């Protein structure tokens, strides 16, 4: 017996607005059950002496300092704009 029922697969598909057939729901139920079975193998590991981490490697901040710099000149930016007016890029209206 699978831990993920066909009805649960159909319910999630409905929430995601996906149309699936009966055969697809059956197949997905089996595939999801296989994924859960594989993931349950992690429960067999002894993790008592393992310290929780957010990353397997010791990571340091590799980002540069956030220093403001001048941007491109407006004329150069507008060269790439398909339509512009009064120094502004024109886009189609989305609100009536």
PDB file of N, CA and C in Angstrom:
ATOM      1  N   UNK A   1       0.848  -1.193   0.000  1.00  0.00           N
ATOM      2  CA  UNK A   1       0.000   0.000   0.000  1.00  0.00           C
ATOM      3  C   UNK A   1       0.881   1.239   0.000  1.00  0.00           C
ATOM      4  N   UNK A   2       0.507   2.217  -0.789  1.00  0.00           N
ATOM      5  CA  UNK A   2       1.293   3.444  -0.867  1.00  0.00           C
ATOM      6  C   UNK A   2       0.908   4.400   0.245  1.00  0.00           C
ATOM      7  N   UNK A   3       1.848   5.232   0.618  1.00  0.00           N
ATOM      8  CA  UNK A   3       1.577   6.238   1.645  1.00  0.00           C
ATOM      9  C   UNK A   3       0.888   7.464   1.057  1.00  0.00           C
ATOM     10  N   UNK A   4       1.002   7.634  -0.250  1.00  0.00           N
ATOM     11  CA  UNK A   4       0.343   8.736  -0.948  1.00  0.00           C
ATOM     12  C   UNK A   4      -0.790   8.123  -1.767  1.00  0.00           C
ATOM     13  N   UNK A   5      -2.000   8.455  -1.412  1.00  0.00           N
ATOM     14  CA  UNK A   5      -3.140   7.875  -2.120  1.00  0.00           C
ATOM     15  C   UNK A   5      -3.409   8.611  -3.431  1.00  0.00           C
ATOM     16  N   UNK A   6      -4.133   7.962  -4.291  1.00  0.00           N
ATOM     17  CA  UNK A   6      -4.503   8.577  -5.565  1.00  0.00           C
ATOM     18  C   UNK A   6      -5.370   9.807  -5.317  1.00  0.00           C
ATOM     19  N   UNK A   7      -6.236   9.741  -4.303  1.00  0.00           N
ATOM     20  CA  UNK A   7      -7.071  10.896  -3.983  1.00  0.00           C
ATOM     21  C   UNK A   7      -6.229  12.082  -3.534  1.00  0.00           C
ATOM     22  N   UNK A   8      -5.164  11.817  -2.785  1.00  0.00           N
ATOM     23  CA  UNK A   8      -4.280  12.906  -2.359  1.00  0.00           C
ATOM     24  C   UNK A   8      -3.556  13.521  -3.551  1.00  0.00           C
ATOM     25  N   UNK A   9      -3.123  12.685  -4.480  1.00  0.00           N
ATOM     26  CA  UNK A   9      -2.473  13.182  -5.696  1.00  0.00           C
ATOM     27  C   UNK A   9      -3.448  14.052  -6.481  1.00  0.00           C
ATOM     28  N   UNK A  10      -4.670  13.590  -6.626  1.00  0.00           N
ATOM     29  CA  UNK A  10      -5.679  14.373  -7.353  1.00  0.00           C
ATOM     30  C   UNK A  10      -5.953  15.696  -6.643  1.00  0.00           C
ATOM     31  N   UNK A  11      -5.999  15.672  -5.313  1.00  0.00           N
ATOM     32  CA  UNK A  11      -6.258  16.885  -4.545  1.00  0.00           C
ATOM     33  C   UNK A  11      -5.140  17.908  -4.759  1.00  0.00           C
ATOM     34  N   UNK A  12      -3.895  17.460  -4.675  1.00  0.00           N
ATOM     35  CA  UNK A  12      -2.758  18.367  -4.888  1.00  0.00           C
ATOM     36  C   UNK A  12      -2.748  18.870  -6.329  1.00  0.00           C
ATOM     37  N   UNK A  13      -3.045  18.007  -7.283  1.00  0.00           N
ATOM     38  CA  UNK A  13      -3.104  18.425  -8.680  1.00  0.00           C
ATOM     39  C   UNK A  13      -4.179  19.489  -8.869  1.00  0.00           C
ATOM     40  N   UNK A  14      -5.308  19.310  -8.204  1.00  0.00           N
ATOM     41  CA  UNK A  14      -6.387  20.298  -8.287  1.00  0.00           C
ATOM     42  C   UNK A  14      -5.938  21.637  -7.685  1.00  0.00           C
ATOM     43  N   UNK A  15      -5.243  21.591  -6.550  1.00  0.00           N
ATOM     44  CA  UNK A  15      -4.751  22.823  -5.933  1.00  0.00           C
ATOM     45  C   UNK A  15      -3.761  23.542  -6.844  1.00  0.00           C
ATOM     46  N   UNK A  16      -2.980  22.748  -7.592  1.00  0.00           N
ATOM     47  CA  UNK A  16      -2.000  23.314  -8.516  1.00  0.00           C
ATOM     48  C   UNK A  16      -2.615  23.636  -9.874  1.00  0.00           C
ATOM     49  N   UNK A  17      -3.909  23.423  -9.994  1.00  0.00           N
ATOM     50  CA  UNK A  17      -4.641  23.668 -11.243  1.00  0.00           C
ATOM     51  C   UNK A  17      -4.079  22.831 -12.394  1.00  0.00           C
ATOM     52  N   UNK A  18      -3.758  21.552 -12.080  1.00  0.00           N
ATOM     53  CA  UNK A  18      -3.263  20.627 -13.087  1.00  0.00           C
ATOM     54  C   UNK A  18      -4.352  19.616 -13.410  1.00  0.00           C
ATOM     55  N   UNK A  19      -4.563  19.384 -14.683  1.00  0.00           N
ATOM     56  CA  UNK A  19      -5.515  18.357 -15.105  1.00  0.00           C
ATOM     57  C   UNK A  19      -4.735  17.069 -15.320  1.00  0.00           C
ATOM     58  N   UNK A  20      -5.057  16.037 -14.534  1.00  0.00           N
ATOM     59  CA  UNK A  20      -4.366  14.763 -14.687  1.00  0.00           C
ATOM     60  C   UNK A  20      -5.397  13.652 -14.882  1.00  0.00           C
ATOM     61  N   UNK A  21      -4.975  12.633 -15.605  1.00  0.00           N
ATOM     62  CA  UNK A  21      -5.859  11.491 -15.849  1.00  0.00           C
ATOM     63  C   UNK A  21      -5.748  10.518 -14.682  1.00  0.00           C
ATOM     64  N   UNK A  22      -6.617   9.542 -14.687  1.00  0.00           N
ATOM     65  CA  UNK A  22      -6.589   8.495 -13.656  1.00  0.00           C
ATOM     66  C   UNK A  22      -5.257   7.742 -13.694  1.00  0.00           C
ATOM     67  N   UNK A  23      -4.768   7.465 -14.904  1.00  0.00           N
ATOM     68  CA  UNK A  23      -3.495   6.749 -15.053  1.00  0.00           C
ATOM     69  C   UNK A  23      -2.337   7.589 -14.533  1.00  0.00           C
ATOM     70  N   UNK A  24      -2.357   8.887 -14.808  1.00  0.00           N
ATOM     71  CA  UNK A  24      -1.293   9.769 -14.329  1.00  0.00           C
ATOM     72  C   UNK A  24      -1.307   9.850 -12.800  1.00  0.00           C
ATOM     73  N   UNK A  25      -2.499   9.909 -12.214  1.00  0.00           N
ATOM     74  CA  UNK A  25      -2.604   9.960 -10.758  1.00  0.00           C
ATOM     75  C   UNK A  25      -2.047   8.683 -10.142  1.00  0.00           C
ATOM     76  N   UNK A  26      -2.338   7.544 -10.749  1.00  0.00           N
ATOM     77  CA  UNK A  26      -1.810   6.254 -10.269  1.00  0.00           C
ATOM     78  C   UNK A  26      -0.286   6.237 -10.342  1.00  0.00           C
ATOM     79  N   UNK A  27       0.251   6.670 -11.483  1.00  0.00           N
ATOM     80  CA  UNK A  27       1.701   6.662 -11.681  1.00  0.00           C
ATOM     81  C   UNK A  27       2.382   7.626 -10.701  1.00  0.00           C
ATOM     82  N   UNK A  28       1.820   8.827 -10.534  1.00  0.00           N
ATOM     83  CA  UNK A  28       2.401   9.810  -9.620  1.00  0.00           C
ATOM     84  C   UNK A  28       2.349   9.325  -8.180  1.00  0.00           C
ATOM     85  N   UNK A  29       1.296   8.627  -7.829  1.00  0.00           N
ATOM     86  CA  UNK A  29       1.180   8.072  -6.482  1.00  0.00           C
ATOM     87  C   UNK A  29       2.317   7.092  -6.223  1.00  0.00           C
ATOM     88  N   UNK A  30       2.609   6.244  -7.179  1.00  0.00           N
ATOM     89  CA  UNK A  30       3.698   5.271  -7.043  1.00  0.00           C
ATOM     90  C   UNK A  30       5.053   5.968  -7.001  1.00  0.00           C
ATOM     91  N   UNK A  31       5.235   6.975  -7.859  1.00  0.00           N
ATOM     92  CA  UNK A  31       6.512   7.687  -7.898  1.00  0.00           C
ATOM     93  C   UNK A  31       6.759   8.453  -6.595  1.00  0.00           C
ATOM     94  N   UNK A  32       5.741   9.117  -6.088  1.00  0.00           N
ATOM     95  CA  UNK A  32       5.896   9.847  -4.831  1.00  0.00           C
ATOM     96  C   UNK A  32       6.170   8.897  -3.669  1.00  0.00           C
ATOM     97  N   UNK A  33       5.544   7.739  -3.685  1.00  0.00           N
ATOM     98  CA  UNK A  33       5.804   6.737  -2.655  1.00  0.00           C
ATOM     99  C   UNK A  33       7.254   6.274  -2.714  1.00  0.00           C
ATOM    100  N   UNK A  34       7.795   6.105  -3.916  1.00  0.00           N
ATOM    101  CA  UNK A  34       9.196   5.706  -4.068  1.00  0.00           C
ATOM    102  C   UNK A  34      10.133   6.791  -3.543  1.00  0.00           C
ATOM    103  N   UNK A  35       9.786   8.042  -3.771  1.00  0.00           N
ATOM    104  CA  UNK A  35      10.598   9.151  -3.269  1.00  0.00           C
ATOM    105  C   UNK A  35      10.593   9.168  -1.752  1.00  0.00           C
ATOM    106  N   UNK A  36       9.435   8.971  -1.148  1.00  0.00           N
ATOM    107  CA  UNK A  36       9.333   8.947   0.313  1.00  0.00           C
ATOM    108  C   UNK A  36      10.131   7.775   0.885  1.00  0.00           C
ATOM    109  N   UNK A  37      10.034   6.621   0.249  1.00  0.00           N
ATOM    110  CA  UNK A  37      10.789   5.443   0.694  1.00  0.00           C
ATOM    111  C   UNK A  37      12.283   5.726   0.658  1.00  0.00           C
ATOM    112  N   UNK A  38      12.742   6.358  -0.407  1.00  0.00           N
ATOM    113  CA  UNK A  38      14.160   6.694  -0.524  1.00  0.00           C
ATOM    114  C   UNK A  38      14.563   7.692   0.565  1.00  0.00           C
ATOM    115  N   UNK A  39      13.751   8.715   0.796  1.00  0.00           N
ATOM    116  CA  UNK A  39      14.067   9.730   1.794  1.00  0.00           C
ATOM    117  C   UNK A  39      14.050   9.152   3.207  1.00  0.00           C
ATOM    118  N   UNK A  40      13.238   8.130   3.452  1.00  0.00           N
ATOM    119  CA  UNK A  40      13.174   7.522   4.781  1.00  0.00           C
ATOM    120  C   UNK A  40      14.469   6.819   5.162  1.00  0.00           C
ATOM    121  N   UNK A  41      15.304   6.513   4.192  1.00  0.00           N
ATOM    122  CA  UNK A  41      16.603   5.911   4.485  1.00  0.00           C
ATOM    123  C   UNK A  41      17.450   6.836   5.356  1.00  0.00           C
ATOM    124  N   UNK A  42      17.215   8.128   5.255  1.00  0.00           N
ATOM    125  CA  UNK A  42      17.969   9.088   6.067  1.00  0.00           C
ATOM    126  C   UNK A  42      17.683   8.900   7.554  1.00  0.00           C
ATOM    127  N   UNK A  43      16.504   8.376   7.897  1.00  0.00           N
ATOM    128  CA  UNK A  43      16.167   8.136   9.301  1.00  0.00           C
ATOM    129  C   UNK A  43      17.034   7.043   9.918  1.00  0.00           C
ATOM    130  N   UNK A  44      17.660   6.218   9.094  1.00  0.00           N
ATOM    131  CA  UNK A  44      18.494   5.138   9.598  1.00  0.00           C
ATOM    132  C   UNK A  44      19.882   5.613  10.008  1.00  0.00           C
ATOM    133  N   UNK A  45      20.251   6.826   9.606  1.00  0.00           N
ATOM    134  CA  UNK A  45      21.580   7.346   9.928  1.00  0.00           C
ATOM    135  C   UNK A  45      21.651   7.798  11.382  1.00  0.00           C
ATOM    136  N   UNK A  46      22.812   7.555  12.000  1.00  0.00           N
ATOM    137  CA  UNK A  46      23.055   8.018  13.360  1.00  0.00           C
ATOM    138  C   UNK A  46      23.580   9.452  13.282  1.00  0.00           C
ATOM    139  N   UNK A  47      22.758  10.398  13.651  1.00  0.00           N
ATOM    140  CA  UNK A  47      23.146  11.809  13.576  1.00  0.00           C
ATOM    141  C   UNK A  47      23.265  12.447  14.955  1.00  0.00           C
ATOM    142  N   UNK A  48      23.419  11.619  15.991  1.00  0.00           N
ATOM    143  CA  UNK A  48      23.485  12.152  17.359  1.00  0.00           C
ATOM    144  C   UNK A  48      24.648  13.114  17.551  1.00  0.00           C
ATOM    145  N   UNK A  49      25.806  12.813  16.967  1.00  0.00           N
ATOM    146  CA  UNK A  49      26.993  13.656  17.172  1.00  0.00           C
ATOM    147  C   UNK A  49      27.267  14.581  15.995  1.00  0.00           C
ATOM    148  N   UNK A  50      26.280  14.783  15.164  1.00  0.00           N
ATOM    149  CA  UNK A  50      26.449  15.656  14.004  1.00  0.00           C
ATOM    150  C   UNK A  50      25.846  17.016  14.330  1.00  0.00           C
ATOM    151  N   UNK A  51      26.691  18.040  14.221  1.00  0.00           N
ATOM    152  CA  UNK A  51      26.232  19.390  14.523  1.00  0.00           C
ATOM    153  C   UNK A  51      25.404  19.927  13.349  1.00  0.00           C
ATOM    154  N   UNK A  52      24.263  20.550  13.628  1.00  0.00           N
ATOM    155  CA  UNK A  52      23.442  21.094  12.539  1.00  0.00           C
ATOM    156  C   UNK A  52      24.202  22.184  11.781  1.00  0.00           C
ATOM    157  N   UNK A  53      24.049  22.174  10.470  1.00  0.00           N
ATOM    158  CA  UNK A  53      24.697  23.177   9.631  1.00  0.00           C
ATOM    159  C   UNK A  53      23.714  23.632   8.560  1.00  0.00           C
ATOM    160  N   UNK A  54      24.001  24.778   7.994  1.00  0.00           N
ATOM    161  CA  UNK A  54      23.180  25.246   6.884  1.00  0.00           C
ATOM    162  C   UNK A  54      23.836  24.928   5.546  1.00  0.00           C
ATOM    163  N   UNK A  55      25.130  24.542   5.610  1.00  0.00           N
ATOM    164  CA  UNK A  55      25.867  24.215   4.404  1.00  0.00           C
ATOM    165  C   UNK A  55      26.963  23.227   4.764  1.00  0.00           C
ATOM    166  N   UNK A  56      27.289  22.328   3.856  1.00  0.00           N
ATOM    167  CA  UNK A  56      28.285  21.307   4.163  1.00  0.00           C
ATOM    168  C   UNK A  56      29.700  21.863   4.213  1.00  0.00           C
ATOM    169  N   UNK A  57      29.946  22.972   3.544  1.00  0.00           N
ATOM    170  CA  UNK A  57      31.264  23.601   3.556  1.00  0.00           C
ATOM    171  C   UNK A  57      31.236  24.846   4.432  1.00  0.00           C
ATOM    172  N   UNK A  58      32.395  25.167   5.002  1.00  0.00           N
ATOM    173  CA  UNK A  58      32.492  26.382   5.803  1.00  0.00           C
ATOM    174  C   UNK A  58      32.493  27.576   4.853  1.00  0.00           C
ATOM    175  N   UNK A  59      31.363  28.259   4.783  1.00  0.00           N
ATOM    176  CA  UNK A  59      31.220  29.360   3.826  1.00  0.00           C
ATOM    177  C   UNK A  59      31.414  30.702   4.518  1.00  0.00           C
ATOM    178  N   UNK A  60      32.029  31.597   3.793  1.00  0.00           N
ATOM    179  CA  UNK A  60      32.186  32.969   4.274  1.00  0.00           C
ATOM    180  C   UNK A  60      31.490  33.884   3.273  1.00  0.00           C
ATOM    181  N   UNK A  61      31.155  35.072   3.712  1.00  0.00           N
ATOM    182  CA  UNK A  61      30.506  36.028   2.825  1.00  0.00           C
ATOM    183  C   UNK A  61      31.473  36.387   1.701  1.00  0.00           C
ATOM    184  N   UNK A  62      31.088  36.059   0.477  1.00  0.00           N
ATOM    185  CA  UNK A  62      31.951  36.320  -0.660  1.00  0.00           C
ATOM    186  C   UNK A  62      31.474  37.534  -1.465  1.00  0.00           C
ATOM    187  N   UNK A  63      30.525  38.252  -0.922  1.00  0.00           N
ATOM    188  CA  UNK A  63      29.987  39.410  -1.623  1.00  0.00           C
ATOM    189  C   UNK A  63      30.873  40.636  -1.396  1.00  0.00           C
ATOM    190  N   UNK A  64      30.886  41.521  -2.346  1.00  0.00           N
ATOM    191  CA  UNK A  64      31.630  42.762  -2.199  1.00  0.00           C
ATOM    192  C   UNK A  64      30.857  43.707  -1.285  1.00  0.00           C
ATOM    193  N   UNK A  65      31.512  44.723  -0.828  1.00  0.00           N
ATOM    194  CA  UNK A  65      30.819  45.719  -0.016  1.00  0.00           C
ATOM    195  C   UNK A  65      29.770  46.418  -0.867  1.00  0.00           C
ATOM    196  N   UNK A  66      28.690  46.798  -0.241  1.00  0.00           N
ATOM    197  CA  UNK A  66      27.622  47.486  -0.943  1.00  0.00           C
ATOM    198  C   UNK A  66      27.947  48.977  -0.962  1.00  0.00           C
ATOM    199  N   UNK A  67      28.647  49.381  -2.024  1.00  0.00           N
ATOM    200  CA  UNK A  67      29.077  50.767  -2.149  1.00  0.00           C
ATOM    201  C   UNK A  67      28.338  51.373  -3.339  1.00  0.00           C
ATOM    202  N   UNK A  68      27.646  52.478  -3.127  1.00  0.00           N
ATOM    203  CA  UNK A  68      26.933  53.090  -4.258  1.00  0.00           C
ATOM    204  C   UNK A  68      27.909  53.611  -5.308  1.00  0.00           C
ATOM    205  N   UNK A  69      27.550  53.381  -6.566  1.00  0.00           N
ATOM    206  CA  UNK A  69      28.353  53.860  -7.687  1.00  0.00           C
ATOM    207  C   UNK A  69      27.409  54.518  -8.676  1.00  0.00           C
ATOM    208  N   UNK A  70      27.920  55.439  -9.472  1.00  0.00           N
ATOM    209  CA  UNK A  70      27.048  56.087 -10.456  1.00  0.00           C
ATOM    210  C   UNK A  70      26.547  55.079 -11.485  1.00  0.00           C
ATOM    211  N   UNK A  71      25.295  55.246 -11.896  1.00  0.00           N
ATOM    212  CA  UNK A  71      24.712  54.372 -12.898  1.00  0.00           C
ATOM    213  C   UNK A  71      25.039  54.845 -14.300  1.00  0.00           C
ATOM    214  N   UNK A  72      24.427  54.194 -15.270  1.00  0.00           N
ATOM    215  CA  UNK A  72      24.634  54.581 -16.659  1.00  0.00           C
ATOM    216  C   UNK A  72      23.961  55.919 -16.936  1.00  0.00           C
ATOM    217  N   UNK A  73      24.501  56.672 -17.870  1.00  0.00           N
ATOM    218  CA  UNK A  73      23.826  57.914 -18.265  1.00  0.00           C
ATOM    219  C   UNK A  73      22.455  57.595 -18.878  1.00  0.00           C
ATOM    220  N   UNK A  74      21.480  58.460 -18.633  1.00  0.00           N
ATOM    221  CA  UNK A  74      20.113  58.234 -19.101  1.00  0.00           C
ATOM    222  C   UNK A  74      20.085  58.066 -20.616  1.00  0.00           C
ATOM    223  N   UNK A  75      20.867  58.850 -21.329  1.00  0.00           N
ATOM    224  CA  UNK A  75      20.865  58.757 -22.792  1.00  0.00           C
ATOM    225  C   UNK A  75      21.293  57.367 -23.258  1.00  0.00           C
ATOM    226  N   UNK A  76      22.275  56.783 -22.575  1.00  0.00           N
ATOM    227  CA  UNK A  76      22.757  55.460 -22.958  1.00  0.00           C
ATOM    228  C   UNK A  76      21.711  54.385 -22.652  1.00  0.00           C
ATOM    229  N   UNK A  77      21.020  54.518 -21.537  1.00  0.00           N
ATOM    230  CA  UNK A  77      19.971  53.563 -21.175  1.00  0.00           C
ATOM    231  C   UNK A  77      18.839  53.635 -22.190  1.00  0.00           C
ATOM    232  N   UNK A  78      18.440  54.832 -22.564  1.00  0.00           N
ATOM    233  CA  UNK A  78      17.318  55.003 -23.485  1.00  0.00           C
ATOM    234  C   UNK A  78      17.621  54.509 -24.896  1.00  0.00           C
ATOM    235  N   UNK A  79      18.902  54.332 -25.230  1.00  0.00           N
ATOM    236  CA  UNK A  79      19.258  53.775 -26.543  1.00  0.00           C
ATOM    237  C   UNK A  79      18.700  52.359 -26.699  1.00  0.00           C
ATOM    238  N   UNK A  80      18.607  51.623 -25.590  1.00  0.00           N
ATOM    239  CA  UNK A  80      18.128  50.240 -25.634  1.00  0.00           C
ATOM    240  C   UNK A  80      16.618  50.126 -25.441  1.00  0.00           C
ATOM    241  N   UNK A  81      15.961  51.216 -25.105  1.00  0.00           N
ATOM    242  CA  UNK A  81      14.521  51.171 -24.860  1.00  0.00           C
ATOM    243  C   UNK A  81      13.771  51.247 -26.192  1.00  0.00           C
ATOM    244  N   UNK A  82      12.786  50.370 -26.398  1.00  0.00           N
ATOM    245  CA  UNK A  82      12.047  50.407 -27.653  1.00  0.00           C
ATOM    246  C   UNK A  82      11.225  51.682 -27.809  1.00  0.00           C
ATOM    247  N   UNK A  83      10.771  52.254 -26.691  1.00  0.00           N
ATOM    248  CA  UNK A  83       9.970  53.476 -26.751  1.00  0.00           C
ATOM    249  C   UNK A  83      10.240  54.290 -25.496  1.00  0.00           C
ATOM    250  N   UNK A  84      10.482  55.573 -25.678  1.00  0.00           N
ATOM    251  CA  UNK A  84      10.728  56.438 -24.518  1.00  0.00           C
ATOM    252  C   UNK A  84      10.240  57.847 -24.798  1.00  0.00           C
ATOM    253  N   UNK A  85      10.027  58.583 -23.709  1.00  0.00           N
ATOM    254  CA  UNK A  85       9.519  59.951 -23.809  1.00  0.00           C
ATOM    255  C   UNK A  85       9.928  60.716 -22.555  1.00  0.00           C
ATOM    256  N   UNK A  86      10.448  61.916 -22.712  1.00  0.00           N
ATOM    257  CA  UNK A  86      10.858  62.793 -21.606  1.00  0.00           C
ATOM    258  C   UNK A  86      11.795  62.088 -20.619  1.00  0.00           C
ATOM    259  N   UNK A  87      12.750  61.301 -21.141  1.00  0.00           N
ATOM    260  CA  UNK A  87      13.721  60.633 -20.285  1.00  0.00           C
ATOM    261  C   UNK A  87      13.170  59.435 -19.531  1.00  0.00           C
ATOM    262  N   UNK A  88      11.980  58.958 -19.894  1.00  0.00           N
ATOM    263  CA  UNK A  88      11.357  57.814 -19.235  1.00  0.00           C
ATOM    264  C   UNK A  88      11.101  56.717 -20.269  1.00  0.00           C
ATOM    265  N   UNK A  89      11.224  55.472 -19.849  1.00  0.00           N
ATOM    266  CA  UNK A  89      10.916  54.354 -20.732  1.00  0.00           C
ATOM    267  C   UNK A  89       9.404  54.151 -20.727  1.00  0.00           C
ATOM    268  N   UNK A  90       8.812  54.113 -21.913  1.00  0.00           N
ATOM    269  CA  UNK A  90       7.365  53.915 -22.023  1.00  0.00           C
ATOM    270  C   UNK A  90       7.071  52.425 -22.127  1.00  0.00           C
ATOM    271  N   UNK A  91       6.095  52.003 -21.335  1.00  0.00           N
ATOM    272  CA  UNK A  91       5.656  50.601 -21.353  1.00  0.00           C
ATOM    273  C   UNK A  91       4.143  50.577 -21.527  1.00  0.00           C
ATOM    274  N   UNK A  92       3.584  49.458 -21.990  1.00  0.00           N
ATOM    275  CA  UNK A  92       2.136  49.390 -22.151  1.00  0.00           C
ATOM    276  C   UNK A  92       1.435  49.525 -20.793  1.00  0.00           C
ATOM    277  N   UNK A  93       0.315  50.205 -20.796  1.00  0.00           N
ATOM    278  CA  UNK A  93      -0.487  50.363 -19.563  1.00  0.00           C
ATOM    279  C   UNK A  93      -1.066  49.018 -19.163  1.00  0.00           C
ATOM    280  N   UNK A  94      -1.019  48.730 -17.856  1.00  0.00           N
ATOM    281  CA  UNK A  94      -1.604  47.482 -17.370  1.00  0.00           C
ATOM    282  C   UNK A  94      -2.804  47.741 -16.455  1.00  0.00           C
ATOM    283  N   UNK A  95      -3.014  48.976 -16.070  1.00  0.00           N
ATOM    284  CA  UNK A  95      -4.154  49.339 -15.233  1.00  0.00           C
ATOM    285  C   UNK A  95      -5.025  50.286 -16.034  1.00  0.00           C
ATOM    286  N   UNK A  96      -6.298  50.002 -16.026  1.00  0.00           N
ATOM    287  CA  UNK A  96      -7.228  50.858 -16.790  1.00  0.00           C
ATOM    288  C   UNK A  96      -7.475  52.166 -16.078  1.00  0.00           C
TER     289      UNK A  96
END
